[in-house]
């Protein structure tokens, strides 16, 4: 019979699957948090960016974008 090569399974995924199956629990990142506070935080982040962008002049926005692009290209 021919020998077949198998790729080894990712042990972290196997362990996570075993743990999920054993506990039968769904992981909720917002468990124990006030849903209203979570929603307000999300809305505040959306509004905050728009408010900041409206306060910047065209030159300031351009300089900010230039710095961001330079930082992206300088990463190793």
Protein backbone atom coordinates (compact mmCIF):
# COMPACT_ATOMS: atom_id res chain seq x y z
CA UNK A 1 0.00 0.00 0.00
CA UNK A 2 1.41 3.45 -0.87
CA UNK A 3 2.48 5.72 1.91
CA UNK A 4 0.54 8.94 2.12
CA UNK A 5 1.98 12.07 3.56
CA UNK A 6 -0.21 14.04 5.93
CA UNK A 7 0.27 17.56 7.04
CA UNK A 8 0.37 17.75 10.82
CA UNK A 9 -2.68 19.37 12.37
CA UNK A 10 -2.27 22.75 14.03
CA UNK A 11 -2.16 21.84 17.71
CA UNK A 12 -3.64 25.15 18.83
CA UNK A 13 -6.71 24.66 16.67
CA UNK A 14 -7.10 21.07 17.81
CA UNK A 15 -6.84 22.16 21.46
CA UNK A 16 -9.37 24.97 20.94
CA UNK A 17 -11.81 22.60 19.24
CA UNK A 18 -11.50 20.08 22.07
CA UNK A 19 -12.03 22.79 24.68
CA UNK A 20 -15.06 24.22 22.86
CA UNK A 21 -16.60 20.79 22.52
CA UNK A 22 -15.92 19.89 26.14
CA UNK A 23 -17.36 23.07 27.64
CA UNK A 24 -20.24 23.68 25.21
CA UNK A 25 -19.94 27.40 25.88
CA UNK A 26 -19.98 30.23 23.38
CA UNK A 27 -17.35 32.86 24.01
CA UNK A 28 -18.88 36.33 24.07
CA UNK A 29 -16.31 39.17 24.24
CA UNK A 30 -18.98 41.53 25.61
CA UNK A 31 -20.17 39.23 28.38
CA UNK A 32 -20.53 41.07 31.66
CA UNK A 33 -20.50 44.50 30.02
CA UNK A 34 -23.37 46.92 29.88
CA UNK A 35 -24.77 46.72 26.31
CA UNK A 36 -25.75 50.38 26.37
CA UNK A 37 -22.20 51.39 27.28
CA UNK A 38 -20.76 49.22 24.50
CA UNK A 39 -23.07 50.85 21.95
CA UNK A 40 -22.28 54.36 23.21
CA UNK A 41 -18.56 53.66 22.96
CA UNK A 42 -18.99 52.52 19.38
CA UNK A 43 -21.04 55.58 18.45
CA UNK A 44 -18.57 57.88 20.18
CA UNK A 45 -15.73 56.48 18.13
CA UNK A 46 -17.64 57.02 14.91
CA UNK A 47 -18.55 60.59 15.81
CA UNK A 48 -15.12 61.42 17.19
CA UNK A 49 -13.28 60.75 13.94
CA UNK A 50 -15.70 62.88 11.92
CA UNK A 51 -15.48 65.75 14.42
CA UNK A 52 -11.69 65.66 14.41
CA UNK A 53 -11.52 65.60 10.60
CA UNK A 54 -13.89 68.56 10.36
CA UNK A 55 -11.64 70.65 12.64
CA UNK A 56 -8.48 70.06 10.58
CA UNK A 57 -7.55 72.37 7.74
CA UNK A 58 -6.68 70.96 4.33
CA UNK A 59 -2.97 71.42 5.02
CA UNK A 60 -3.19 69.69 8.41
CA UNK A 61 -5.11 66.75 6.92
CA UNK A 62 -2.58 66.45 4.13
CA UNK A 63 0.35 66.51 6.57
CA UNK A 64 -1.33 63.89 8.75
CA UNK A 65 -1.84 61.61 5.74
CA UNK A 66 1.76 62.18 4.64
CA UNK A 67 3.07 61.20 8.10
CA UNK A 68 0.88 58.08 8.13
CA UNK A 69 2.10 57.00 4.69
CA UNK A 70 5.72 57.61 5.67
CA UNK A 71 5.27 55.54 8.83
CA UNK A 72 3.77 52.67 6.84
CA UNK A 73 6.63 52.62 4.36
CA UNK A 74 9.33 52.87 7.04
CA UNK A 75 8.20 49.67 8.79
CA UNK A 76 10.63 46.79 8.26
